[in-house]
Amino acid sequence: MGVVSTIKARNQFSSYIKRASKDKERIILTSRGKEVAAIVPIEDAIFLEELEDRIDNEECDKILAETKPEDWIPWETVKKEIGL
């Protein structure tokens, strides 16, 4: 994994995009020595989104399994309470 300053990345942006897209390299961007962002292959970003969705779904399933249907609040009631 490469580490590069945002200034250097800005000056050679297309090179870093190629490294991520073609070479599948992950590049950490720093600003004033602090890691602030990353350029990653699209496959990594898609995988992360899918993983986050899976974790969210598992958490929802767990919460639903721990509650009784009579404790659920109808969506229409929630919308009314929050002003939608």
C-alpha atoms as a PDB file:
ATOM      1  CA  MET A   1       0.000   0.000   0.000  1.00  0.00           C
ATOM      2  CA  GLY A   2       1.396   3.344  -1.031  1.00  0.00           C
ATOM      3  CA  VAL A   3       1.301   6.482   1.057  1.00  0.00           C
ATOM      4  CA  VAL A   4       1.392   9.881  -0.641  1.00  0.00           C
ATOM      5  CA  SER A   5       0.633  13.475   0.266  1.00  0.00           C
ATOM      6  CA  THR A   6      -2.498  15.054  -1.141  1.00  0.00           C
ATOM      7  CA  ILE A   7      -0.335  17.663  -2.882  1.00  0.00           C
ATOM      8  CA  LYS A   8       1.708  15.013  -4.693  1.00  0.00           C
ATOM      9  CA  ALA A   9      -1.458  13.055  -5.518  1.00  0.00           C
ATOM     10  CA  ARG A  10      -3.088  16.192  -6.933  1.00  0.00           C
ATOM     11  CA  ASN A  11      -0.100  16.822  -9.177  1.00  0.00           C
ATOM     12  CA  GLN A  12      -0.053  13.222 -10.452  1.00  0.00           C
ATOM     13  CA  PHE A  13      -3.731  12.317 -10.028  1.00  0.00           C
ATOM     14  CA  SER A  14      -4.118  10.262 -13.222  1.00  0.00           C
ATOM     15  CA  SER A  15      -1.067   8.194 -12.283  1.00  0.00           C
ATOM     16  CA  TYR A  16      -2.571   7.275  -8.903  1.00  0.00           C
ATOM     17  CA  ILE A  17      -5.946   6.488 -10.459  1.00  0.00           C
ATOM     18  CA  LYS A  18      -4.196   4.133 -12.891  1.00  0.00           C
ATOM     19  CA  ARG A  19      -2.303   2.468 -10.053  1.00  0.00           C
ATOM     20  CA  ALA A  20      -5.564   1.842  -8.206  1.00  0.00           C
ATOM     21  CA  SER A  21      -7.642   0.783 -11.207  1.00  0.00           C
ATOM     22  CA  LYS A  22      -5.123  -1.191 -13.262  1.00  0.00           C
ATOM     23  CA  ASP A  23      -2.555  -2.320 -10.696  1.00  0.00           C
ATOM     24  CA  LYS A  24      -5.122  -2.802  -7.884  1.00  0.00           C
ATOM     25  CA  GLU A  25      -2.953  -0.727  -5.553  1.00  0.00           C
ATOM     26  CA  ARG A  26      -4.381   0.973  -2.467  1.00  0.00           C
ATOM     27  CA  ILE A  27      -3.018   4.458  -1.895  1.00  0.00           C
ATOM     28  CA  ILE A  28      -3.334   6.323   1.395  1.00  0.00           C
ATOM     29  CA  LEU A  29      -3.458  10.115   1.079  1.00  0.00           C
ATOM     30  CA  THR A  30      -1.949  12.271   3.796  1.00  0.00           C
ATOM     31  CA  SER A  31      -2.295  15.925   4.647  1.00  0.00           C
ATOM     32  CA  ARG A  32       0.274  17.455   6.978  1.00  0.00           C
ATOM     33  CA  GLY A  33       1.432  13.964   7.834  1.00  0.00           C
ATOM     34  CA  LYS A  34      -2.019  12.709   8.825  1.00  0.00           C
ATOM     35  CA  GLU A  35      -3.857   9.977   6.892  1.00  0.00           C
ATOM     36  CA  VAL A  36      -7.038  11.557   5.521  1.00  0.00           C
ATOM     37  CA  ALA A  37      -8.352   9.481   2.607  1.00  0.00           C
ATOM     38  CA  ALA A  38      -7.592   6.637   0.247  1.00  0.00           C
ATOM     39  CA  ILE A  39      -7.691   5.842  -3.435  1.00  0.00           C
ATOM     40  CA  VAL A  40      -8.724   2.212  -3.820  1.00  0.00           C
ATOM     41  CA  PRO A  41      -9.713  -0.114  -6.647  1.00  0.00           C
ATOM     42  CA  ILE A  42     -13.457  -0.052  -7.298  1.00  0.00           C
ATOM     43  CA  GLU A  43     -13.641  -3.723  -6.323  1.00  0.00           C
ATOM     44  CA  ASP A  44     -12.485  -2.779  -2.814  1.00  0.00           C
ATOM     45  CA  ALA A  45     -15.138  -0.076  -2.527  1.00  0.00           C
ATOM     46  CA  ILE A  46     -17.886  -2.431  -3.749  1.00  0.00           C
ATOM     47  CA  PHE A  47     -16.730  -5.144  -1.339  1.00  0.00           C
ATOM     48  CA  LEU A  48     -16.764  -2.686   1.560  1.00  0.00           C
ATOM     49  CA  GLU A  49     -20.302  -1.523   0.686  1.00  0.00           C
ATOM     50  CA  GLU A  50     -21.512  -5.129   0.494  1.00  0.00           C
ATOM     51  CA  LEU A  51     -19.838  -5.965   3.802  1.00  0.00           C
ATOM     52  CA  GLU A  52     -21.403  -2.942   5.497  1.00  0.00           C
ATOM     53  CA  ASP A  53     -24.827  -3.938   4.106  1.00  0.00           C
ATOM     54  CA  ARG A  54     -24.380  -7.483   5.398  1.00  0.00           C
ATOM     55  CA  ILE A  55     -23.402  -6.236   8.864  1.00  0.00           C
ATOM     56  CA  ASP A  56     -26.361  -3.824   8.910  1.00  0.00           C
ATOM     57  CA  ASN A  57     -28.754  -6.610   7.879  1.00  0.00           C
ATOM     58  CA  GLU A  58     -27.397  -8.945  10.558  1.00  0.00           C
ATOM     59  CA  GLU A  59     -27.849  -6.218  13.167  1.00  0.00           C
ATOM     60  CA  CYS A  60     -31.431  -5.602  12.016  1.00  0.00           C
ATOM     61  CA  ASP A  61     -32.194  -9.333  12.126  1.00  0.00           C
ATOM     62  CA  LYS A  62     -30.782  -9.505  15.653  1.00  0.00           C
ATOM     63  CA  ILE A  63     -32.857  -6.560  16.825  1.00  0.00           C
ATOM     64  CA  LEU A  64     -36.015  -7.952  15.234  1.00  0.00           C
ATOM     65  CA  ALA A  65     -35.402 -11.344  16.844  1.00  0.00           C
ATOM     66  CA  GLU A  66     -35.054  -9.684  20.260  1.00  0.00           C
ATOM     67  CA  THR A  67     -38.314  -7.709  20.047  1.00  0.00           C
ATOM     68  CA  LYS A  68     -41.921  -8.776  20.134  1.00  0.00           C
ATOM     69  CA  PRO A  69     -44.210  -7.750  17.270  1.00  0.00           C
ATOM     70  CA  GLU A  70     -46.519  -6.034  19.765  1.00  0.00           C
ATOM     71  CA  ASP A  71     -43.625  -3.699  20.650  1.00  0.00           C
ATOM     72  CA  TRP A  72     -43.180  -2.578  17.046  1.00  0.00           C
ATOM     73  CA  ILE A  73     -44.320   0.928  16.092  1.00  0.00           C
ATOM     74  CA  PRO A  74     -46.136   1.234  12.754  1.00  0.00           C
ATOM     75  CA  TRP A  75     -44.274   3.227  10.115  1.00  0.00           C
ATOM     76  CA  GLU A  76     -47.209   5.616   9.718  1.00  0.00           C
ATOM     77  CA  THR A  77     -46.982   6.456  13.438  1.00  0.00           C
ATOM     78  CA  VAL A  78     -43.240   7.055  13.218  1.00  0.00           C
ATOM     79  CA  LYS A  79     -43.659   9.338  10.185  1.00  0.00           C
ATOM     80  CA  LYS A  80     -46.314  11.337  11.997  1.00  0.00           C
ATOM     81  CA  GLU A  81     -44.130  11.664  15.110  1.00  0.00           C
ATOM     82  CA  ILE A  82     -41.172  13.004  13.127  1.00  0.00           C
ATOM     83  CA  GLY A  83     -43.277  15.258  10.913  1.00  0.00           C
ATOM     84  CA  LEU A  84     -43.090  13.459   7.590  1.00  0.00           C
END
